[in-house]
């Protein structure tokens, strides 16, 4: 738990530093620092929810995404 908390704090620091470096604005950097993890949490929820279906599809040979080899130019 301590490792996760430490990483969370580190993540916020990095997000703030990068946001501030790119924008030069404390308010925008602060907003990005807290909005990005909130959005990431929602994305993570849906990723976890659909992971079993994606994993099953992958194990079945990724049906539907097989690309045909292009004829060689030689």
Foldseek 3Di string as FASTA:
>chain_A
DVVVVVVLVVQLVVQLVVQCVVPVDNVRSNVRSPVVVVVVVVVVVVCVVCVVVVVVCVVVPVPPPDDDDDDDPD
